[in-house]
Amino acid sequence: MENIKRFHYRFFQIVTFFFFLIFHFQVANSIENKIEFKINNEIISSIDIDNERKLLLSLNPRLVELNQKKLLEISIESVIREKIKKIEIKKYKKEIEIDRDYLSQIIEDNYKKINFKTKQEFKNFLNAKGLKLEKFEKKLTIEALWNEIIFLKYRNKVNIDEKKLRKEIVKFSEKNYDYSYNLSEIVFNVDSSSKLADKNDEIQKEIKSTGFENSASINSISSTANIGGKLGWINATQLSEKIRMQIEKLEVGKNTKPLVIPGGFLILKLNN
């Protein structure tokens, strides 16, 4: 948990330092005006930011509804998050790579969430936008390795109540939850409980003005932020009773209040 907090602290430090770029760095001439800066030995160029903007727009077309300043802000933050994670991963891994079959499964999960049926169809779509599938693969690889590091670091601190777990499994099997929900998420954290109400108000206003997908891209710290917070179809048995009860109360198109989860808060939207 401390590692996650430290990551976000460093992230916001760097974002604050480079926010002044927003007023001088225009998307239209980003390629000509190469603005480069470093995080340790990692370089971020104007091309990196422009490519990130294109990719984020491709994965979440509703971002086009935002003004250019906000879109640039999101793109810069996304690149910085990725670079910081890459730096941290290199402390534990010699190579930034994962098993190809595992990567293929992650890619499939992601392109299906945004309504593509095949990998080739998704690849053709990216090519038409001037993007390469390899960039998306790299992003997913970094995210997968980051999650692995966090898991390995804290798995010994996870306590599992086997008796309670067995009872839950039996209860699920008896009730036969043979249905699924199509969900989207926003995962966020705040420094103190006193700031939760303010942050939630801010997010809810953005949801009303720009839509849940854009609010996820702006506020969510989950990897699903890249695709507008889309989780896709989740079987009811995969959800905790607490979360399932909240979803059951929702109308399609509505979202929950912030739910407490390890490391922060979760807002879920019921798409279908």
C-alpha atoms as a PDB file:
ATOM      1  CA  MET A   1       0.000   0.000   0.000  1.00  0.00           C
ATOM      2  CA  GLU A   2       2.847   2.365   0.816  1.00  0.00           C
ATOM      3  CA  ASN A   3       4.356   1.606  -2.559  1.00  0.00           C
ATOM      4  CA  ILE A   4       1.122   2.621  -4.275  1.00  0.00           C
ATOM      5  CA  LYS A   5       0.879   5.834  -2.253  1.00  0.00           C
ATOM      6  CA  ARG A   6       4.519   6.629  -3.008  1.00  0.00           C
ATOM      7  CA  PHE A   7       3.874   6.066  -6.687  1.00  0.00           C
ATOM      8  CA  HIS A   8       0.952   8.498  -6.743  1.00  0.00           C
ATOM      9  CA  TYR A   9       2.901  11.067  -4.728  1.00  0.00           C
ATOM     10  CA  ARG A  10       5.784  10.965  -7.200  1.00  0.00           C
ATOM     11  CA  PHE A  11       3.348  11.055 -10.093  1.00  0.00           C
ATOM     12  CA  PHE A  12       1.611  14.204  -8.885  1.00  0.00           C
ATOM     13  CA  GLN A  13       4.952  15.874  -8.186  1.00  0.00           C
ATOM     14  CA  ILE A  14       6.025  15.358 -11.770  1.00  0.00           C
ATOM     15  CA  VAL A  15       2.639  16.319 -13.215  1.00  0.00           C
ATOM     16  CA  THR A  16       2.672  19.572 -11.279  1.00  0.00           C
ATOM     17  CA  PHE A  17       6.151  20.398 -12.560  1.00  0.00           C
ATOM     18  CA  PHE A  18       5.166  19.913 -16.174  1.00  0.00           C
ATOM     19  CA  PHE A  19       1.680  21.407 -16.162  1.00  0.00           C
ATOM     20  CA  PHE A  20       3.098  24.646 -17.513  1.00  0.00           C
ATOM     21  CA  LEU A  21       3.685  22.771 -20.781  1.00  0.00           C
ATOM     22  CA  ILE A  22      -0.046  22.720 -21.371  1.00  0.00           C
ATOM     23  CA  PHE A  23      -0.044  26.439 -22.106  1.00  0.00           C
ATOM     24  CA  HIS A  24       2.841  26.246 -24.567  1.00  0.00           C
ATOM     25  CA  PHE A  25       2.442  22.813 -26.080  1.00  0.00           C
ATOM     26  CA  GLN A  26      -0.306  22.757 -28.734  1.00  0.00           C
ATOM     27  CA  VAL A  27      -1.371  19.479 -30.242  1.00  0.00           C
ATOM     28  CA  ALA A  28      -1.500  20.904 -33.729  1.00  0.00           C
ATOM     29  CA  ASN A  29       2.227  21.619 -33.852  1.00  0.00           C
ATOM     30  CA  SER A  30       3.463  19.082 -31.314  1.00  0.00           C
ATOM     31  CA  ILE A  31       5.582  17.183 -33.823  1.00  0.00           C
ATOM     32  CA  GLU A  32       7.415  20.308 -34.993  1.00  0.00           C
ATOM     33  CA  ASN A  33       7.958  21.754 -31.507  1.00  0.00           C
ATOM     34  CA  LYS A  34       9.732  18.864 -29.844  1.00  0.00           C
ATOM     35  CA  ILE A  35       9.563  19.384 -26.110  1.00  0.00           C
ATOM     36  CA  GLU A  36      11.529  16.692 -24.296  1.00  0.00           C
ATOM     37  CA  PHE A  37      11.912  16.105 -20.561  1.00  0.00           C
ATOM     38  CA  LYS A  38      13.306  13.309 -18.439  1.00  0.00           C
ATOM     39  CA  ILE A  39      12.132  11.185 -15.547  1.00  0.00           C
ATOM     40  CA  ASN A  40      15.365   9.605 -14.388  1.00  0.00           C
ATOM     41  CA  ASN A  41      16.739   8.247 -17.664  1.00  0.00           C
ATOM     42  CA  GLU A  42      13.373   7.951 -19.376  1.00  0.00           C
ATOM     43  CA  ILE A  43      12.715  10.542 -22.093  1.00  0.00           C
ATOM     44  CA  ILE A  44       9.254  11.889 -22.886  1.00  0.00           C
ATOM     45  CA  SER A  45       9.015  13.745 -26.183  1.00  0.00           C
ATOM     46  CA  SER A  46       6.260  15.642 -27.940  1.00  0.00           C
ATOM     47  CA  ILE A  47       5.893  12.642 -30.253  1.00  0.00           C
ATOM     48  CA  ASP A  48       5.304  10.367 -27.257  1.00  0.00           C
ATOM     49  CA  ILE A  49       2.555  12.655 -25.993  1.00  0.00           C
ATOM     50  CA  ASP A  50       0.959  13.054 -29.428  1.00  0.00           C
ATOM     51  CA  ASN A  51       0.942   9.277 -29.971  1.00  0.00           C
ATOM     52  CA  GLU A  52      -0.588   8.827 -26.519  1.00  0.00           C
ATOM     53  CA  ARG A  53      -3.294  11.338 -27.418  1.00  0.00           C
ATOM     54  CA  LYS A  54      -4.088   9.426 -30.617  1.00  0.00           C
ATOM     55  CA  LEU A  55      -4.183   6.097 -28.797  1.00  0.00           C
ATOM     56  CA  LEU A  56      -6.422   7.359 -25.996  1.00  0.00           C
ATOM     57  CA  LEU A  57      -8.806   8.898 -28.544  1.00  0.00           C
ATOM     58  CA  SER A  58      -8.889   5.607 -30.426  1.00  0.00           C
ATOM     59  CA  LEU A  59      -9.646   3.573 -27.306  1.00  0.00           C
ATOM     60  CA  ASN A  60     -12.195   6.074 -25.971  1.00  0.00           C
ATOM     61  CA  PRO A  61     -13.696   8.135 -28.842  1.00  0.00           C
ATOM     62  CA  ARG A  62     -15.764  10.192 -26.380  1.00  0.00           C
ATOM     63  CA  LEU A  63     -12.572  12.009 -25.376  1.00  0.00           C
ATOM     64  CA  VAL A  64     -13.082  14.107 -28.496  1.00  0.00           C
ATOM     65  CA  GLU A  65     -15.849  15.856 -26.519  1.00  0.00           C
ATOM     66  CA  LEU A  66     -13.222  17.356 -24.191  1.00  0.00           C
ATOM     67  CA  ASN A  67     -11.373  20.560 -24.988  1.00  0.00           C
ATOM     68  CA  GLN A  68      -7.823  20.285 -26.303  1.00  0.00           C
ATOM     69  CA  LYS A  69      -6.288  21.497 -23.051  1.00  0.00           C
ATOM     70  CA  LYS A  70      -7.976  18.767 -20.989  1.00  0.00           C
ATOM     71  CA  LEU A  71      -7.152  16.119 -23.596  1.00  0.00           C
ATOM     72  CA  LEU A  72      -3.502  17.172 -23.568  1.00  0.00           C
ATOM     73  CA  GLU A  73      -3.532  17.061 -19.771  1.00  0.00           C
ATOM     74  CA  ILE A  74      -4.814  13.475 -19.797  1.00  0.00           C
ATOM     75  CA  SER A  75      -2.243  12.448 -22.418  1.00  0.00           C
ATOM     76  CA  ILE A  76       0.676  13.903 -20.445  1.00  0.00           C
ATOM     77  CA  GLU A  77      -0.499  12.270 -17.217  1.00  0.00           C
ATOM     78  CA  SER A  78      -0.910   8.931 -18.973  1.00  0.00           C
ATOM     79  CA  VAL A  79       2.613   9.002 -20.429  1.00  0.00           C
ATOM     80  CA  ILE A  80       4.096  10.029 -17.074  1.00  0.00           C
ATOM     81  CA  ARG A  81       2.273   7.221 -15.235  1.00  0.00           C
ATOM     82  CA  GLU A  82       3.590   4.705 -17.735  1.00  0.00           C
ATOM     83  CA  LYS A  83       7.175   5.978 -17.509  1.00  0.00           C
ATOM     84  CA  ILE A  84       7.152   5.914 -13.696  1.00  0.00           C
ATOM     85  CA  LYS A  85       5.819   2.353 -13.686  1.00  0.00           C
ATOM     86  CA  LYS A  86       8.489   1.353 -16.203  1.00  0.00           C
ATOM     87  CA  ILE A  87      11.211   2.807 -13.976  1.00  0.00           C
ATOM     88  CA  GLU A  88       9.885   0.912 -10.963  1.00  0.00           C
ATOM     89  CA  ILE A  89       9.556  -2.343 -12.938  1.00  0.00           C
ATOM     90  CA  LYS A  90      13.206  -2.139 -14.031  1.00  0.00           C
ATOM     91  CA  LYS A  91      14.220  -2.358 -10.366  1.00  0.00           C
ATOM     92  CA  TYR A  92      12.808  -5.883 -10.308  1.00  0.00           C
ATOM     93  CA  LYS A  93      12.860  -7.066 -13.928  1.00  0.00           C
ATOM     94  CA  LYS A  94      15.666  -7.167 -16.475  1.00  0.00           C
ATOM     95  CA  GLU A  95      13.289  -7.193 -19.429  1.00  0.00           C
ATOM     96  CA  ILE A  96       9.954  -5.463 -19.978  1.00  0.00           C
ATOM     97  CA  GLU A  97       8.147  -8.500 -21.322  1.00  0.00           C
ATOM     98  CA  ILE A  98       5.595 -11.142 -20.361  1.00  0.00           C
ATOM     99  CA  ASP A  99       4.531 -14.515 -21.720  1.00  0.00           C
ATOM    100  CA  ARG A 100       3.125 -14.089 -25.250  1.00  0.00           C
ATOM    101  CA  ASP A 101       0.065 -16.247 -24.600  1.00  0.00           C
ATOM    102  CA  TYR A 102      -0.734 -14.220 -21.490  1.00  0.00           C
ATOM    103  CA  LEU A 103      -0.266 -10.978 -23.426  1.00  0.00           C
ATOM    104  CA  SER A 104      -2.530 -12.244 -26.226  1.00  0.00           C
ATOM    105  CA  GLN A 105      -5.235 -12.981 -23.662  1.00  0.00           C
ATOM    106  CA  ILE A 106      -4.945  -9.508 -22.140  1.00  0.00           C
ATOM    107  CA  ILE A 107      -5.125  -7.904 -25.591  1.00  0.00           C
ATOM    108  CA  GLU A 108      -8.199  -9.974 -26.454  1.00  0.00           C
ATOM    109  CA  ASP A 109      -9.903  -8.985 -23.201  1.00  0.00           C
ATOM    110  CA  ASN A 110      -9.262  -5.327 -23.977  1.00  0.00           C
ATOM    111  CA  TYR A 111     -10.321  -5.176 -27.619  1.00  0.00           C
ATOM    112  CA  LYS A 112     -13.509  -7.095 -26.858  1.00  0.00           C
ATOM    113  CA  LYS A 113     -14.381  -4.510 -24.206  1.00  0.00           C
ATOM    114  CA  ILE A 114     -14.405  -1.861 -26.935  1.00  0.00           C
ATOM    115  CA  ASN A 115     -16.469  -4.030 -29.303  1.00  0.00           C
ATOM    116  CA  PHE A 116     -13.874  -5.495 -31.659  1.00  0.00           C
ATOM    117  CA  LYS A 117     -14.338  -9.159 -32.524  1.00  0.00           C
ATOM    118  CA  THR A 118     -10.833 -10.122 -33.640  1.00  0.00           C
ATOM    119  CA  LYS A 119      -7.259  -9.014 -33.058  1.00  0.00           C
ATOM    120  CA  GLN A 120      -6.810  -8.344 -36.776  1.00  0.00           C
ATOM    121  CA  GLU A 121      -9.884  -6.104 -36.820  1.00  0.00           C
ATOM    122  CA  PHE A 122      -8.468  -4.145 -33.878  1.00  0.00           C
ATOM    123  CA  LYS A 123      -5.025  -3.973 -35.513  1.00  0.00           C
ATOM    124  CA  ASN A 124      -6.530  -2.634 -38.754  1.00  0.00           C
ATOM    125  CA  PHE A 125      -8.431  -0.027 -36.772  1.00  0.00           C
ATOM    126  CA  LEU A 126      -5.232   1.181 -35.076  1.00  0.00           C
ATOM    127  CA  ASN A 127      -3.343   1.218 -38.387  1.00  0.00           C
ATOM    128  CA  ALA A 128      -6.042   3.433 -39.880  1.00  0.00           C
ATOM    129  CA  LYS A 129      -5.413   5.868 -37.009  1.00  0.00           C
ATOM    130  CA  GLY A 130      -1.654   5.875 -37.703  1.00  0.00           C
ATOM    131  CA  LEU A 131      -0.952   3.693 -34.656  1.00  0.00           C
ATOM    132  CA  LYS A 132       0.752   0.357 -34.146  1.00  0.00           C
ATOM    133  CA  LEU A 133      -0.591  -2.565 -32.135  1.00  0.00           C
ATOM    134  CA  GLU A 134       2.897  -2.891 -30.649  1.00  0.00           C
ATOM    135  CA  LYS A 135       2.435   0.365 -28.698  1.00  0.00           C
ATOM    136  CA  PHE A 136      -0.750  -0.960 -27.138  1.00  0.00           C
ATOM    137  CA  GLU A 137       0.999  -4.262 -26.374  1.00  0.00           C
ATOM    138  CA  LYS A 138       3.803  -2.359 -24.646  1.00  0.00           C
ATOM    139  CA  LYS A 139       1.311  -0.419 -22.539  1.00  0.00           C
ATOM    140  CA  LEU A 140      -0.487  -3.604 -21.471  1.00  0.00           C
ATOM    141  CA  THR A 141       2.822  -5.342 -20.727  1.00  0.00           C
ATOM    142  CA  ILE A 142       3.919  -2.532 -18.395  1.00  0.00           C
ATOM    143  CA  GLU A 143       0.546  -2.609 -16.647  1.00  0.00           C
ATOM    144  CA  ALA A 144       0.672  -6.401 -16.216  1.00  0.00           C
ATOM    145  CA  LEU A 145       4.208  -6.315 -14.791  1.00  0.00           C
ATOM    146  CA  TRP A 146       3.283  -3.463 -12.447  1.00  0.00           C
ATOM    147  CA  ASN A 147       0.317  -5.461 -11.111  1.00  0.00           C
ATOM    148  CA  GLU A 148       2.562  -8.504 -10.682  1.00  0.00           C
ATOM    149  CA  ILE A 149       5.102  -6.525  -8.659  1.00  0.00           C
ATOM    150  CA  ILE A 150       2.405  -5.085  -6.399  1.00  0.00           C
ATOM    151  CA  PHE A 151       0.932  -8.559  -5.871  1.00  0.00           C
ATOM    152  CA  LEU A 152       4.264 -10.174  -5.042  1.00  0.00           C
ATOM    153  CA  LYS A 153       5.174  -7.349  -2.699  1.00  0.00           C
ATOM    154  CA  TYR A 154       1.992  -7.565  -0.639  1.00  0.00           C
ATOM    155  CA  ARG A 155       0.728 -11.135  -1.022  1.00  0.00           C
ATOM    156  CA  ASN A 156       2.161 -12.172   2.351  1.00  0.00           C
ATOM    157  CA  LYS A 157       0.054  -9.496   4.005  1.00  0.00           C
ATOM    158  CA  VAL A 158      -3.173 -10.880   2.564  1.00  0.00           C
ATOM    159  CA  ASN A 159      -5.172 -12.880   5.078  1.00  0.00           C
ATOM    160  CA  ILE A 160      -7.685 -15.391   3.735  1.00  0.00           C
ATOM    161  CA  ASP A 161     -10.455 -16.727   5.934  1.00  0.00           C
ATOM    162  CA  GLU A 162     -10.900 -20.168   4.382  1.00  0.00           C
ATOM    163  CA  LYS A 163     -14.043 -21.024   6.365  1.00  0.00           C
ATOM    164  CA  LYS A 164     -15.737 -17.808   5.312  1.00  0.00           C
ATOM    165  CA  LEU A 165     -14.627 -18.317   1.708  1.00  0.00           C
ATOM    166  CA  ARG A 166     -16.050 -21.850   1.640  1.00  0.00           C
ATOM    167  CA  LYS A 167     -19.371 -20.595   2.988  1.00  0.00           C
ATOM    168  CA  GLU A 168     -19.487 -17.907   0.288  1.00  0.00           C
ATOM    169  CA  ILE A 169     -18.826 -20.509  -2.419  1.00  0.00           C
ATOM    170  CA  VAL A 170     -21.604 -22.745  -1.111  1.00  0.00           C
ATOM    171  CA  LYS A 171     -23.993 -19.781  -0.905  1.00  0.00           C
ATOM    172  CA  PHE A 172     -23.198 -18.757  -4.481  1.00  0.00           C
ATOM    173  CA  SER A 173     -23.747 -22.286  -5.763  1.00  0.00           C
ATOM    174  CA  GLU A 174     -27.094 -22.574  -3.957  1.00  0.00           C
ATOM    175  CA  LYS A 175     -28.382 -19.289  -5.333  1.00  0.00           C
ATOM    176  CA  ASN A 176     -27.080 -20.095  -8.836  1.00  0.00           C
ATOM    177  CA  TYR A 177     -26.167 -16.580 -10.009  1.00  0.00           C
ATOM    178  CA  ASP A 178     -26.417 -17.396 -13.708  1.00  0.00           C
ATOM    179  CA  TYR A 179     -26.312 -13.820 -15.013  1.00  0.00           C
ATOM    180  CA  SER A 180     -23.776 -11.103 -15.783  1.00  0.00           C
ATOM    181  CA  TYR A 181     -23.467  -7.333 -15.632  1.00  0.00           C
ATOM    182  CA  ASN A 182     -21.800  -5.082 -18.174  1.00  0.00           C
ATOM    183  CA  LEU A 183     -19.867  -2.622 -16.019  1.00  0.00           C
ATOM    184  CA  SER A 184     -17.528   0.359 -16.172  1.00  0.00           C
ATOM    185  CA  GLU A 185     -15.404   1.636 -13.298  1.00  0.00           C
ATOM    186  CA  ILE A 186     -13.680   4.656 -11.833  1.00  0.00           C
ATOM    187  CA  VAL A 187     -11.041   3.870  -9.207  1.00  0.00           C
ATOM    188  CA  PHE A 188      -9.639   6.773  -7.224  1.00  0.00           C
ATOM    189  CA  ASN A 189      -8.095   7.633  -3.878  1.00  0.00           C
ATOM    190  CA  VAL A 190      -7.930  10.692  -1.634  1.00  0.00           C
ATOM    191  CA  ASP A 191      -5.531  11.784   1.103  1.00  0.00           C
ATOM    192  CA  SER A 192      -8.159  11.785   3.836  1.00  0.00           C
ATOM    193  CA  SER A 193     -11.791  10.868   4.404  1.00  0.00           C
ATOM    194  CA  SER A 194     -12.672  14.551   4.681  1.00  0.00           C
ATOM    195  CA  LYS A 195     -11.736  15.016   1.018  1.00  0.00           C
ATOM    196  CA  LEU A 196     -13.852  12.098  -0.200  1.00  0.00           C
ATOM    197  CA  ALA A 197     -17.067  14.108  -0.475  1.00  0.00           C
ATOM    198  CA  ASP A 198     -15.330  16.869  -2.458  1.00  0.00           C
ATOM    199  CA  LYS A 199     -13.680  14.384  -4.823  1.00  0.00           C
ATOM    200  CA  ASN A 200     -16.917  12.496  -5.321  1.00  0.00           C
ATOM    201  CA  ASP A 201     -18.783  15.739  -6.075  1.00  0.00           C
ATOM    202  CA  GLU A 202     -16.118  16.636  -8.619  1.00  0.00           C
ATOM    203  CA  ILE A 203     -16.377  13.241 -10.315  1.00  0.00           C
ATOM    204  CA  GLN A 204     -20.190  13.255 -10.338  1.00  0.00           C
ATOM    205  CA  LYS A 205     -20.214  16.709 -11.964  1.00  0.00           C
ATOM    206  CA  GLU A 206     -17.810  15.486 -14.633  1.00  0.00           C
ATOM    207  CA  ILE A 207     -19.956  12.404 -15.234  1.00  0.00           C
ATOM    208  CA  LYS A 208     -22.979  14.656 -15.831  1.00  0.00           C
ATOM    209  CA  SER A 209     -21.110  17.102 -18.059  1.00  0.00           C
ATOM    210  CA  THR A 210     -18.739  14.849 -20.037  1.00  0.00           C
ATOM    211  CA  GLY A 211     -20.001  11.291 -19.491  1.00  0.00           C
ATOM    212  CA  PHE A 212     -18.780   8.376 -17.366  1.00  0.00           C
ATOM    213  CA  GLU A 213     -16.156   7.284 -19.921  1.00  0.00           C
ATOM    214  CA  ASN A 214     -14.448  10.664 -20.010  1.00  0.00           C
ATOM    215  CA  SER A 215     -14.620  11.005 -16.244  1.00  0.00           C
ATOM    216  CA  ALA A 216     -12.901   7.604 -15.975  1.00  0.00           C
ATOM    217  CA  SER A 217     -10.126   8.751 -18.311  1.00  0.00           C
ATOM    218  CA  ILE A 218      -9.667  11.903 -16.235  1.00  0.00           C
ATOM    219  CA  ASN A 219      -9.961  10.529 -12.705  1.00  0.00           C
ATOM    220  CA  SER A 220      -9.423   6.772 -12.612  1.00  0.00           C
ATOM    221  CA  ILE A 221      -6.111   5.300 -11.501  1.00  0.00           C
ATOM    222  CA  SER A 222      -7.072   1.884 -12.864  1.00  0.00           C
ATOM    223  CA  SER A 223      -5.595   0.542 -16.111  1.00  0.00           C
ATOM    224  CA  THR A 224      -9.139   0.592 -17.526  1.00  0.00           C
ATOM    225  CA  ALA A 225      -8.903   4.403 -17.645  1.00  0.00           C
ATOM    226  CA  ASN A 226      -7.319   3.961 -21.103  1.00  0.00           C
ATOM    227  CA  ILE A 227     -10.576   2.494 -22.427  1.00  0.00           C
ATOM    228  CA  GLY A 228     -12.988   4.761 -20.584  1.00  0.00           C
ATOM    229  CA  GLY A 229     -13.238   2.543 -17.510  1.00  0.00           C
ATOM    230  CA  LYS A 230     -14.861  -0.376 -19.365  1.00  0.00           C
ATOM    231  CA  LEU A 231     -14.811  -3.673 -17.445  1.00  0.00           C
ATOM    232  CA  GLY A 232     -17.077  -5.516 -19.860  1.00  0.00           C
ATOM    233  CA  TRP A 233     -19.298  -8.429 -18.836  1.00  0.00           C
ATOM    234  CA  ILE A 234     -18.745  -9.630 -15.273  1.00  0.00           C
ATOM    235  CA  ASN A 235     -20.517 -12.728 -13.925  1.00  0.00           C
ATOM    236  CA  ALA A 236     -22.401 -12.105 -10.687  1.00  0.00           C
ATOM    237  CA  THR A 237     -20.389 -14.818  -8.938  1.00  0.00           C
ATOM    238  CA  GLN A 238     -17.214 -12.772  -9.483  1.00  0.00           C
ATOM    239  CA  LEU A 239     -18.561  -9.900  -7.408  1.00  0.00           C
ATOM    240  CA  SER A 240     -18.547  -9.591  -3.651  1.00  0.00           C
ATOM    241  CA  GLU A 241     -21.947  -9.584  -1.996  1.00  0.00           C
ATOM    242  CA  LYS A 242     -21.454  -5.962  -0.947  1.00  0.00           C
ATOM    243  CA  ILE A 243     -20.779  -4.801  -4.509  1.00  0.00           C
ATOM    244  CA  ARG A 244     -23.460  -7.040  -6.044  1.00  0.00           C
ATOM    245  CA  MET A 245     -26.106  -5.614  -3.718  1.00  0.00           C
ATOM    246  CA  GLN A 246     -25.218  -2.085  -4.808  1.00  0.00           C
ATOM    247  CA  ILE A 247     -25.382  -2.991  -8.501  1.00  0.00           C
ATOM    248  CA  GLU A 248     -28.745  -4.721  -8.089  1.00  0.00           C
ATOM    249  CA  LYS A 249     -30.207  -1.394  -6.956  1.00  0.00           C
ATOM    250  CA  LEU A 250     -29.049   0.431 -10.103  1.00  0.00           C
ATOM    251  CA  GLU A 251     -30.957   1.278 -13.240  1.00  0.00           C
ATOM    252  CA  VAL A 252     -29.099   0.765 -16.512  1.00  0.00           C
ATOM    253  CA  GLY A 253     -26.943   3.823 -17.205  1.00  0.00           C
ATOM    254  CA  LYS A 254     -26.643   4.805 -13.540  1.00  0.00           C
ATOM    255  CA  ASN A 255     -23.630   4.511 -11.237  1.00  0.00           C
ATOM    256  CA  THR A 256     -23.007   3.658  -7.601  1.00  0.00           C
ATOM    257  CA  LYS A 257     -21.767   5.914  -4.863  1.00  0.00           C
ATOM    258  CA  PRO A 258     -18.070   5.438  -3.983  1.00  0.00           C
ATOM    259  CA  LEU A 259     -17.462   1.964  -2.567  1.00  0.00           C
ATOM    260  CA  VAL A 260     -14.501   1.323  -0.281  1.00  0.00           C
ATOM    261  CA  ILE A 261     -11.936  -1.081  -1.758  1.00  0.00           C
ATOM    262  CA  PRO A 262      -8.296  -1.840  -0.832  1.00  0.00           C
ATOM    263  CA  GLY A 263      -6.211   1.172  -1.811  1.00  0.00           C
ATOM    264  CA  GLY A 264      -9.037   3.574  -2.549  1.00  0.00           C
ATOM    265  CA  PHE A 265     -12.625   3.933  -3.736  1.00  0.00           C
ATOM    266  CA  LEU A 266     -14.633   2.442  -6.573  1.00  0.00           C
ATOM    267  CA  ILE A 267     -17.550   3.844  -8.585  1.00  0.00           C
ATOM    268  CA  LEU A 268     -19.319   1.365 -10.856  1.00  0.00           C
ATOM    269  CA  LYS A 269     -21.645   2.136 -13.751  1.00  0.00           C
ATOM    270  CA  LEU A 270     -24.210  -0.424 -14.917  1.00  0.00           C
ATOM    271  CA  ASN A 271     -24.124  -0.412 -18.723  1.00  0.00           C
ATOM    272  CA  ASN A 272     -26.377  -3.418 -19.208  1.00  0.00           C
END
